[in-house]
Every structure is written in C-alpha cells, then in structure tokens.
C-alpha cells in the first residue's frame, strides 16, 4: 500500500504528524474528536478482523486499526489545513 510508511523515519514522521494534528489550533475540535469516536465505535462493534481470543494477534489487530484511523484522519487534515505551514513560512531562507 503506497500510503503506509515504509521506513522507520516515515513511521516517526507519521507519529509526529498525528501529534501535531492534536496540538494544532487550526484543526476544529470536532475533527479532533472524530478519530477518537471512530476508534470507540470500532471497539464497541462485535465485528473484528481477528478475534481477540487469538493471543497477541487479536490485540495487535485492534491497535493497528486504531492507528490507521488516526493516521488517515491526521494525514487528511495535514493536507487540508496545512498544519506545518507556519514552520515553513517562519523559517528564514538560507
């Protein structure tokens, strides 16, 4: 899949993007609440990709789905709201 991070550096950038998503004042509060609500809905639904009684794999499945939800919403907001724009505009050109 072309949108999943491929290298450890890409994973750290994705985690940083999710953190900036929640810290940004440009993002509306309902959009910050959406990934949390979608994650709660996923945990409340009886449908699961891998049943939780399978040791380690069932829990890893849940964590990966929650991370994918956050990654998708934060990536979309990063493009729509230009979260990192203030960093690039404030830095002087060299």
PDB file of N, CA and C in Angstrom:
ATOM      1  N   UNK A   1       0.859  -1.168   0.000  1.00  0.00           N
ATOM      2  CA  UNK A   1       0.000   0.000   0.000  1.00  0.00           C
ATOM      3  C   UNK A   1       0.903   1.228   0.000  1.00  0.00           C
ATOM      4  N   UNK A   2       0.611   2.147  -0.859  1.00  0.00           N
ATOM      5  CA  UNK A   2       1.514   3.267  -1.032  1.00  0.00           C
ATOM      6  C   UNK A   2       1.402   4.332   0.058  1.00  0.00           C
ATOM      7  N   UNK A   3       0.359   4.311   0.871  1.00  0.00           N
ATOM      8  CA  UNK A   3       0.197   5.339   1.889  1.00  0.00           C
ATOM      9  C   UNK A   3       0.763   4.932   3.246  1.00  0.00           C
ATOM     10  N   UNK A   4       1.102   3.666   3.424  1.00  0.00           N
ATOM     11  CA  UNK A   4       1.685   3.239   4.687  1.00  0.00           C
ATOM     12  C   UNK A   4       3.165   3.607   4.728  1.00  0.00           C
ATOM     13  N   UNK A   5       3.657   4.025   5.884  1.00  0.00           N
ATOM     14  CA  UNK A   5       5.080   4.348   6.000  1.00  0.00           C
ATOM     15  C   UNK A   5       5.931   3.114   5.721  1.00  0.00           C
ATOM     16  N   UNK A   6       7.044   3.314   5.039  1.00  0.00           N
ATOM     17  CA  UNK A   6       7.884   2.186   4.651  1.00  0.00           C
ATOM     18  C   UNK A   6       9.145   2.076   5.501  1.00  0.00           C
ATOM     19  N   UNK A   7       9.676   3.189   5.936  1.00  0.00           N
ATOM     20  CA  UNK A   7      10.922   3.170   6.700  1.00  0.00           C
ATOM     21  C   UNK A   7      10.655   3.620   8.138  1.00  0.00           C
ATOM     22  N   UNK A   8      11.586   3.336   9.038  1.00  0.00           N
ATOM     23  CA  UNK A   8      11.403   3.823  10.421  1.00  0.00           C
ATOM     24  C   UNK A   8      11.264   5.343  10.493  1.00  0.00           C
ATOM     25  N   UNK A   9      11.979   6.059   9.615  1.00  0.00           N
ATOM     26  CA  UNK A   9      11.847   7.525   9.599  1.00  0.00           C
ATOM     27  C   UNK A   9      10.430   7.941   9.196  1.00  0.00           C
ATOM     28  N   UNK A  10       9.852   7.245   8.226  1.00  0.00           N
ATOM     29  CA  UNK A  10       8.473   7.534   7.821  1.00  0.00           C
ATOM     30  C   UNK A  10       7.494   7.285   8.960  1.00  0.00           C
ATOM     31  N   UNK A  11       7.732   6.233   9.752  1.00  0.00           N
ATOM     32  CA  UNK A  11       6.858   5.936  10.891  1.00  0.00           C
ATOM     33  C   UNK A  11       6.938   7.055  11.925  1.00  0.00           C
ATOM     34  N   UNK A  12       8.161   7.547  12.218  1.00  0.00           N
ATOM     35  CA  UNK A  12       8.301   8.635  13.186  1.00  0.00           C
ATOM     36  C   UNK A  12       7.664   9.917  12.674  1.00  0.00           C
ATOM     37  N   UNK A  13       7.766  10.179  11.369  1.00  0.00           N
ATOM     38  CA  UNK A  13       7.114  11.359  10.795  1.00  0.00           C
ATOM     39  C   UNK A  13       5.602  11.235  10.898  1.00  0.00           C
ATOM     40  N   UNK A  14       5.074  10.046  10.707  1.00  0.00           N
ATOM     41  CA  UNK A  14       3.632   9.832  10.821  1.00  0.00           C
ATOM     42  C   UNK A  14       3.172  10.041  12.258  1.00  0.00           C
ATOM     43  N   UNK A  15       3.918   9.527  13.206  1.00  0.00           N
ATOM     44  CA  UNK A  15       3.570   9.722  14.615  1.00  0.00           C
ATOM     45  C   UNK A  15       3.646  11.205  14.980  1.00  0.00           C
ATOM     46  N   UNK A  16       4.654  11.902  14.463  1.00  0.00           N
ATOM     47  CA  UNK A  16       4.753  13.346  14.683  1.00  0.00           C
ATOM     48  C   UNK A  16       3.596  14.105  14.060  1.00  0.00           C
ATOM     49  N   UNK A  17       3.159  13.669  12.883  1.00  0.00           N
ATOM     50  CA  UNK A  17       2.025  14.310  12.221  1.00  0.00           C
ATOM     51  C   UNK A  17       0.752  14.129  13.042  1.00  0.00           C
ATOM     52  N   UNK A  18       0.575  12.955  13.641  1.00  0.00           N
ATOM     53  CA  UNK A  18      -0.599  12.724  14.489  1.00  0.00           C
ATOM     54  C   UNK A  18      -0.528  13.628  15.723  1.00  0.00           C
ATOM     55  N   UNK A  19       0.663  13.772  16.307  1.00  0.00           N
ATOM     56  CA  UNK A  19       0.820  14.670  17.460  1.00  0.00           C
ATOM     57  C   UNK A  19       0.539  16.112  17.101  1.00  0.00           C
ATOM     58  N   UNK A  20       1.040  16.572  15.948  1.00  0.00           N
ATOM     59  CA  UNK A  20       0.779  17.956  15.507  1.00  0.00           C
ATOM     60  C   UNK A  20      -0.701  18.156  15.198  1.00  0.00           C
ATOM     61  N   UNK A  21      -1.365  17.105  14.737  1.00  0.00           N
ATOM     62  CA  UNK A  21      -2.806  17.171  14.473  1.00  0.00           C
ATOM     63  C   UNK A  21      -3.559  17.526  15.742  1.00  0.00           C
ATOM     64  N   UNK A  22      -3.223  16.874  16.845  1.00  0.00           N
ATOM     65  CA  UNK A  22      -3.935  17.136  18.101  1.00  0.00           C
ATOM     66  C   UNK A  22      -3.507  18.449  18.761  1.00  0.00           C
ATOM     67  N   UNK A  23      -2.289  18.920  18.518  1.00  0.00           N
ATOM     68  CA  UNK A  23      -1.816  20.173  19.124  1.00  0.00           C
ATOM     69  C   UNK A  23      -2.175  21.412  18.317  1.00  0.00           C
ATOM     70  N   UNK A  24      -2.508  21.265  17.050  1.00  0.00           N
ATOM     71  CA  UNK A  24      -2.726  22.404  16.175  1.00  0.00           C
ATOM     72  C   UNK A  24      -3.997  23.164  16.540  1.00  0.00           C
ATOM     73  N   UNK A  25      -3.891  24.479  16.517  1.00  0.00           N
ATOM     74  CA  UNK A  25      -5.070  25.311  16.775  1.00  0.00           C
ATOM     75  C   UNK A  25      -5.892  25.523  15.498  1.00  0.00           C
ATOM     76  N   UNK A  26      -5.337  25.145  14.363  1.00  0.00           N
ATOM     77  CA  UNK A  26      -6.042  25.308  13.090  1.00  0.00           C
ATOM     78  C   UNK A  26      -7.112  24.235  12.873  1.00  0.00           C
ATOM     79  N   UNK A  27      -6.981  23.117  13.552  1.00  0.00           N
ATOM     80  CA  UNK A  27      -7.905  21.997  13.371  1.00  0.00           C
ATOM     81  C   UNK A  27      -9.124  22.221  14.258  1.00  0.00           C
ATOM     82  N   UNK A  28     -10.328  22.144  13.696  1.00  0.00           N
ATOM     83  CA  UNK A  28     -11.533  22.286  14.513  1.00  0.00           C
ATOM     84  C   UNK A  28     -11.656  21.142  15.531  1.00  0.00           C
ATOM     85  N   UNK A  29     -12.232  21.442  16.669  1.00  0.00           N
ATOM     86  CA  UNK A  29     -12.371  20.449  17.742  1.00  0.00           C
ATOM     87  C   UNK A  29     -13.169  19.215  17.314  1.00  0.00           C
ATOM     88  N   UNK A  30     -14.272  19.360  16.552  1.00  0.00           N
ATOM     89  CA  UNK A  30     -14.988  18.141  16.134  1.00  0.00           C
ATOM     90  C   UNK A  30     -14.127  17.192  15.292  1.00  0.00           C
ATOM     91  N   UNK A  31     -13.209  17.745  14.506  1.00  0.00           N
ATOM     92  CA  UNK A  31     -12.335  16.893  13.709  1.00  0.00           C
ATOM     93  C   UNK A  31     -11.318  16.177  14.594  1.00  0.00           C
ATOM     94  N   UNK A  32     -10.906  16.801  15.680  1.00  0.00           N
ATOM     95  CA  UNK A  32     -10.012  16.136  16.623  1.00  0.00           C
ATOM     96  C   UNK A  32     -10.740  15.034  17.383  1.00  0.00           C
ATOM     97  N   UNK A  33     -12.020  15.191  17.560  1.00  0.00           N
ATOM     98  CA  UNK A  33     -12.830  14.197  18.265  1.00  0.00           C
ATOM     99  C   UNK A  33     -13.163  13.004  17.365  1.00  0.00           C
ATOM    100  N   UNK A  34     -13.183  13.194  16.050  1.00  0.00           N
ATOM    101  CA  UNK A  34     -13.604  12.153  15.106  1.00  0.00           C
ATOM    102  C   UNK A  34     -12.787  10.865  15.208  1.00  0.00           C
ATOM    103  N   UNK A  35     -11.445  10.908  15.221  1.00  0.00           N
ATOM    104  CA  UNK A  35     -10.713   9.636  15.328  1.00  0.00           C
ATOM    105  C   UNK A  35     -10.974   8.902  16.637  1.00  0.00           C
ATOM    106  N   UNK A  36     -11.158   9.665  17.706  1.00  0.00           N
ATOM    107  CA  UNK A  36     -11.459   9.032  18.988  1.00  0.00           C
ATOM    108  C   UNK A  36     -12.828   8.358  18.953  1.00  0.00           C
ATOM    109  N   UNK A  37     -13.801   9.031  18.337  1.00  0.00           N
ATOM    110  CA  UNK A  37     -15.135   8.459  18.228  1.00  0.00           C
ATOM    111  C   UNK A  37     -15.139   7.228  17.319  1.00  0.00           C
ATOM    112  N   UNK A  38     -14.421   7.304  16.193  1.00  0.00           N
ATOM    113  CA  UNK A  38     -14.350   6.147  15.295  1.00  0.00           C
ATOM    114  C   UNK A  38     -13.654   4.966  15.963  1.00  0.00           C
ATOM    115  N   UNK A  39     -12.639   5.244  16.762  1.00  0.00           N
ATOM    116  CA  UNK A  39     -11.955   4.167  17.486  1.00  0.00           C
ATOM    117  C   UNK A  39     -12.885   3.534  18.517  1.00  0.00           C
ATOM    118  N   UNK A  40     -13.650   4.354  19.207  1.00  0.00           N
ATOM    119  CA  UNK A  40     -14.602   3.823  20.189  1.00  0.00           C
ATOM    120  C   UNK A  40     -15.668   2.977  19.508  1.00  0.00           C
ATOM    121  N   UNK A  41     -16.147   3.429  18.355  1.00  0.00           N
ATOM    122  CA  UNK A  41     -17.144   2.656  17.615  1.00  0.00           C
ATOM    123  C   UNK A  41     -16.558   1.315  17.188  1.00  0.00           C
ATOM    124  N   UNK A  42     -15.302   1.311  16.745  1.00  0.00           N
ATOM    125  CA  UNK A  42     -14.666   0.053  16.344  1.00  0.00           C
ATOM    126  C   UNK A  42     -14.595  -0.925  17.519  1.00  0.00           C
ATOM    127  N   UNK A  43     -14.250  -0.414  18.713  1.00  0.00           N
ATOM    128  CA  UNK A  43     -14.169  -1.295  19.880  1.00  0.00           C
ATOM    129  C   UNK A  43     -15.539  -1.781  20.341  1.00  0.00           C
ATOM    130  N   UNK A  44     -16.583  -0.993  20.099  1.00  0.00           N
ATOM    131  CA  UNK A  44     -17.921  -1.388  20.544  1.00  0.00           C
ATOM    132  C   UNK A  44     -18.620  -2.343  19.570  1.00  0.00           C
ATOM    133  N   UNK A  45     -18.213  -2.326  18.316  1.00  0.00           N
ATOM    134  CA  UNK A  45     -18.836  -3.226  17.346  1.00  0.00           C
ATOM    135  C   UNK A  45     -18.417  -4.669  17.600  1.00  0.00           C
ATOM    136  N   UNK A  46     -19.327  -5.599  17.394  1.00  0.00           N
ATOM    137  CA  UNK A  46     -18.961  -7.002  17.615  1.00  0.00           C
ATOM    138  C   UNK A  46     -18.117  -7.586  16.483  1.00  0.00           C
ATOM    139  N   UNK A  47     -17.981  -6.882  15.377  1.00  0.00           N
ATOM    140  CA  UNK A  47     -17.204  -7.368  14.239  1.00  0.00           C
ATOM    141  C   UNK A  47     -15.732  -7.048  14.481  1.00  0.00           C
ATOM    142  N   UNK A  48     -14.863  -8.019  14.225  1.00  0.00           N
ATOM    143  CA  UNK A  48     -13.437  -7.833  14.425  1.00  0.00           C
ATOM    144  C   UNK A  48     -12.710  -8.569  13.310  1.00  0.00           C
ATOM    145  N   UNK A  49     -11.584  -8.014  12.849  1.00  0.00           N
ATOM    146  CA  UNK A  49     -10.828  -8.676  11.789  1.00  0.00           C
ATOM    147  C   UNK A  49     -10.225  -9.989  12.287  1.00  0.00           C
ATOM    148  N   UNK A  50      -9.581  -9.946  13.448  1.00  0.00           N
ATOM    149  CA  UNK A  50      -9.018 -11.134  14.083  1.00  0.00           C
ATOM    150  C   UNK A  50      -9.616 -11.199  15.481  1.00  0.00           C
ATOM    151  N   UNK A  51     -10.234 -12.309  15.853  1.00  0.00           N
ATOM    152  CA  UNK A  51     -10.845 -12.392  17.191  1.00  0.00           C
ATOM    153  C   UNK A  51      -9.815 -12.166  18.300  1.00  0.00           C
ATOM    154  N   UNK A  52     -10.274 -11.567  19.385  1.00  0.00           N
ATOM    155  CA  UNK A  52      -9.375 -11.206  20.476  1.00  0.00           C
ATOM    156  C   UNK A  52      -8.894 -12.412  21.278  1.00  0.00           C
ATOM    157  N   UNK A  53      -9.541 -13.556  21.134  1.00  0.00           N
ATOM    158  CA  UNK A  53      -9.074 -14.720  21.885  1.00  0.00           C
ATOM    159  C   UNK A  53      -7.821 -15.340  21.261  1.00  0.00           C
ATOM    160  N   UNK A  54      -7.422 -14.885  20.066  1.00  0.00           N
ATOM    161  CA  UNK A  54      -6.158 -15.321  19.482  1.00  0.00           C
ATOM    162  C   UNK A  54      -5.045 -14.524  20.178  1.00  0.00           C
ATOM    163  N   UNK A  55      -4.121 -15.192  20.860  1.00  0.00           N
ATOM    164  CA  UNK A  55      -3.112 -14.463  21.652  1.00  0.00           C
ATOM    165  C   UNK A  55      -2.265 -13.520  20.798  1.00  0.00           C
ATOM    166  N   UNK A  56      -2.085 -12.330  21.262  1.00  0.00           N
ATOM    167  CA  UNK A  56      -1.254 -11.271  20.724  1.00  0.00           C
ATOM    168  C   UNK A  56      -1.728 -10.738  19.373  1.00  0.00           C
ATOM    169  N   UNK A  57      -2.128 -11.594  18.465  1.00  0.00           N
ATOM    170  CA  UNK A  57      -2.547 -11.145  17.138  1.00  0.00           C
ATOM    171  C   UNK A  57      -3.876 -10.407  17.210  1.00  0.00           C
ATOM    172  N   UNK A  58      -4.782 -10.845  18.062  1.00  0.00           N
ATOM    173  CA  UNK A  58      -6.072 -10.181  18.208  1.00  0.00           C
ATOM    174  C   UNK A  58      -5.936  -8.766  18.742  1.00  0.00           C
ATOM    175  N   UNK A  59      -5.056  -8.579  19.716  1.00  0.00           N
ATOM    176  CA  UNK A  59      -4.835  -7.249  20.274  1.00  0.00           C
ATOM    177  C   UNK A  59      -4.036  -6.380  19.311  1.00  0.00           C
ATOM    178  N   UNK A  60      -3.072  -6.966  18.615  1.00  0.00           N
ATOM    179  CA  UNK A  60      -2.293  -6.220  17.632  1.00  0.00           C
ATOM    180  C   UNK A  60      -3.185  -5.722  16.496  1.00  0.00           C
ATOM    181  N   UNK A  61      -4.186  -6.512  16.144  1.00  0.00           N
ATOM    182  CA  UNK A  61      -5.162  -6.114  15.129  1.00  0.00           C
ATOM    183  C   UNK A  61      -5.921  -4.865  15.582  1.00  0.00           C
ATOM    184  N   UNK A  62      -6.348  -4.841  16.823  1.00  0.00           N
ATOM    185  CA  UNK A  62      -7.086  -3.683  17.341  1.00  0.00           C
ATOM    186  C   UNK A  62      -6.215  -2.429  17.360  1.00  0.00           C
ATOM    187  N   UNK A  63      -4.989  -2.565  17.799  1.00  0.00           N
ATOM    188  CA  UNK A  63      -4.073  -1.419  17.850  1.00  0.00           C
ATOM    189  C   UNK A  63      -3.792  -0.891  16.443  1.00  0.00           C
ATOM    190  N   UNK A  64      -3.610  -1.795  15.489  1.00  0.00           N
ATOM    191  CA  UNK A  64      -3.317  -1.349  14.124  1.00  0.00           C
ATOM    192  C   UNK A  64      -4.508  -0.635  13.493  1.00  0.00           C
ATOM    193  N   UNK A  65      -5.723  -1.082  13.755  1.00  0.00           N
ATOM    194  CA  UNK A  65      -6.903  -0.403  13.204  1.00  0.00           C
ATOM    195  C   UNK A  65      -7.041   0.995  13.806  1.00  0.00           C
ATOM    196  N   UNK A  66      -6.834   1.125  15.094  1.00  0.00           N
ATOM    197  CA  UNK A  66      -6.911   2.441  15.744  1.00  0.00           C
ATOM    198  C   UNK A  66      -5.822   3.362  15.190  1.00  0.00           C
ATOM    199  N   UNK A  67      -4.602   2.845  15.007  1.00  0.00           N
ATOM    200  CA  UNK A  67      -3.524   3.653  14.444  1.00  0.00           C
ATOM    201  C   UNK A  67      -3.852   4.070  13.010  1.00  0.00           C
ATOM    202  N   UNK A  68      -4.411   3.174  12.217  1.00  0.00           N
ATOM    203  CA  UNK A  68      -4.779   3.515  10.836  1.00  0.00           C
ATOM    204  C   UNK A  68      -5.853   4.595  10.794  1.00  0.00           C
ATOM    205  N   UNK A  69      -6.814   4.531  11.704  1.00  0.00           N
ATOM    206  CA  UNK A  69      -7.845   5.571  11.770  1.00  0.00           C
ATOM    207  C   UNK A  69      -7.198   6.926  12.045  1.00  0.00           C
ATOM    208  N   UNK A  70      -6.329   6.976  13.044  1.00  0.00           N
ATOM    209  CA  UNK A  70      -5.656   8.234  13.382  1.00  0.00           C
ATOM    210  C   UNK A  70      -4.750   8.702  12.249  1.00  0.00           C
ATOM    211  N   UNK A  71      -4.048   7.771  11.618  1.00  0.00           N
ATOM    212  CA  UNK A  71      -3.144   8.127  10.537  1.00  0.00           C
ATOM    213  C   UNK A  71      -3.902   8.716   9.352  1.00  0.00           C
ATOM    214  N   UNK A  72      -5.024   8.128   9.000  1.00  0.00           N
ATOM    215  CA  UNK A  72      -5.801   8.628   7.866  1.00  0.00           C
ATOM    216  C   UNK A  72      -6.388  10.006   8.140  1.00  0.00           C
ATOM    217  N   UNK A  73      -6.975  10.188   9.317  1.00  0.00           N
ATOM    218  CA  UNK A  73      -7.578  11.485   9.639  1.00  0.00           C
ATOM    219  C   UNK A  73      -6.507  12.566   9.766  1.00  0.00           C
ATOM    220  N   UNK A  74      -5.396  12.256  10.418  1.00  0.00           N
ATOM    221  CA  UNK A  74      -4.325  13.246  10.566  1.00  0.00           C
ATOM    222  C   UNK A  74      -3.678  13.567   9.221  1.00  0.00           C
ATOM    223  N   UNK A  75      -3.522  12.575   8.358  1.00  0.00           N
ATOM    224  CA  UNK A  75      -2.960  12.819   7.029  1.00  0.00           C
ATOM    225  C   UNK A  75      -3.871  13.691   6.186  1.00  0.00           C
ATOM    226  N   UNK A  76      -5.170  13.432   6.262  1.00  0.00           N
ATOM    227  CA  UNK A  76      -6.130  14.257   5.517  1.00  0.00           C
ATOM    228  C   UNK A  76      -6.112  15.690   6.038  1.00  0.00           C
ATOM    229  N   UNK A  77      -6.107  15.857   7.365  1.00  0.00           N
ATOM    230  CA  UNK A  77      -6.100  17.198   7.954  1.00  0.00           C
ATOM    231  C   UNK A  77      -4.787  17.907   7.654  1.00  0.00           C
ATOM    232  N   UNK A  78      -3.698  17.167   7.602  1.00  0.00           N
ATOM    233  CA  UNK A  78      -2.395  17.752   7.282  1.00  0.00           C
ATOM    234  C   UNK A  78      -2.420  18.388   5.896  1.00  0.00           C
ATOM    235  N   UNK A  79      -3.066  17.734   4.945  1.00  0.00           N
ATOM    236  CA  UNK A  79      -3.161  18.277   3.596  1.00  0.00           C
ATOM    237  C   UNK A  79      -4.177  19.407   3.502  1.00  0.00           C
ATOM    238  N   UNK A  80      -5.305  19.266   4.170  1.00  0.00           N
ATOM    239  CA  UNK A  80      -6.375  20.258   4.050  1.00  0.00           C
ATOM    240  C   UNK A  80      -6.071  21.544   4.819  1.00  0.00           C
ATOM    241  N   UNK A  81      -5.513  21.439   6.010  1.00  0.00           N
ATOM    242  CA  UNK A  81      -5.319  22.606   6.859  1.00  0.00           C
ATOM    243  C   UNK A  81      -3.876  23.107   6.885  1.00  0.00           C
ATOM    244  N   UNK A  82      -2.973  22.472   6.182  1.00  0.00           N
ATOM    245  CA  UNK A  82      -1.570  22.880   6.108  1.00  0.00           C
ATOM    246  C   UNK A  82      -1.010  23.079   7.508  1.00  0.00           C
ATOM    247  N   UNK A  83      -1.010  22.041   8.293  1.00  0.00           N
ATOM    248  CA  UNK A  83      -0.600  22.119   9.692  1.00  0.00           C
ATOM    249  C   UNK A  83       0.837  22.610   9.826  1.00  0.00           C
ATOM    250  N   UNK A  84       1.742  22.177   8.965  1.00  0.00           N
ATOM    251  CA  UNK A  84       3.146  22.555   9.081  1.00  0.00           C
ATOM    252  C   UNK A  84       3.476  23.839   8.328  1.00  0.00           C
ATOM    253  N   UNK A  85       2.492  24.540   7.815  1.00  0.00           N
ATOM    254  CA  UNK A  85       2.754  25.736   7.013  1.00  0.00           C
ATOM    255  C   UNK A  85       3.428  26.831   7.832  1.00  0.00           C
ATOM    256  N   UNK A  86       3.066  26.972   9.105  1.00  0.00           N
ATOM    257  CA  UNK A  86       3.665  28.028   9.916  1.00  0.00           C
ATOM    258  C   UNK A  86       5.151  27.776  10.144  1.00  0.00           C
ATOM    259  N   UNK A  87       5.587  26.530  10.169  1.00  0.00           N
ATOM    260  CA  UNK A  87       7.021  26.240  10.325  1.00  0.00           C
ATOM    261  C   UNK A  87       7.795  26.663   9.082  1.00  0.00           C
ATOM    262  N   UNK A  88       7.254  26.381   7.917  1.00  0.00           N
ATOM    263  CA  UNK A  88       7.980  26.687   6.678  1.00  0.00           C
ATOM    264  C   UNK A  88       7.935  28.176   6.364  1.00  0.00           C
ATOM    265  N   UNK A  89       6.881  28.872   6.783  1.00  0.00           N
ATOM    266  CA  UNK A  89       6.782  30.300   6.497  1.00  0.00           C
ATOM    267  C   UNK A  89       7.653  31.136   7.441  1.00  0.00           C
ATOM    268  N   UNK A  90       7.843  30.676   8.672  1.00  0.00           N
ATOM    269  CA  UNK A  90       8.586  31.450   9.665  1.00  0.00           C
ATOM    270  C   UNK A  90      10.092  31.251   9.566  1.00  0.00           C
ATOM    271  N   UNK A  91      10.542  30.199   8.951  1.00  0.00           N
ATOM    272  CA  UNK A  91      11.977  29.946   8.893  1.00  0.00           C
ATOM    273  C   UNK A  91      12.608  30.808   7.806  1.00  0.00           C
ATOM    274  N   UNK A  92      13.741  31.460   8.119  1.00  0.00           N
ATOM    275  CA  UNK A  92      14.391  32.303   7.101  1.00  0.00           C
ATOM    276  C   UNK A  92      15.039  31.451   6.023  1.00  0.00           C
ATOM    277  N   UNK A  93      15.060  31.979   4.811  1.00  0.00           N
ATOM    278  CA  UNK A  93      15.689  31.276   3.695  1.00  0.00           C
ATOM    279  C   UNK A  93      17.189  31.356   3.812  1.00  0.00           C
ATOM    280  N   UNK A  94      17.878  30.280   3.460  1.00  0.00           N
ATOM    281  CA  UNK A  94      19.346  30.264   3.551  1.00  0.00           C
ATOM    282  C   UNK A  94      19.942  30.274   2.178  1.00  0.00           C
TER     283      UNK A  94
END
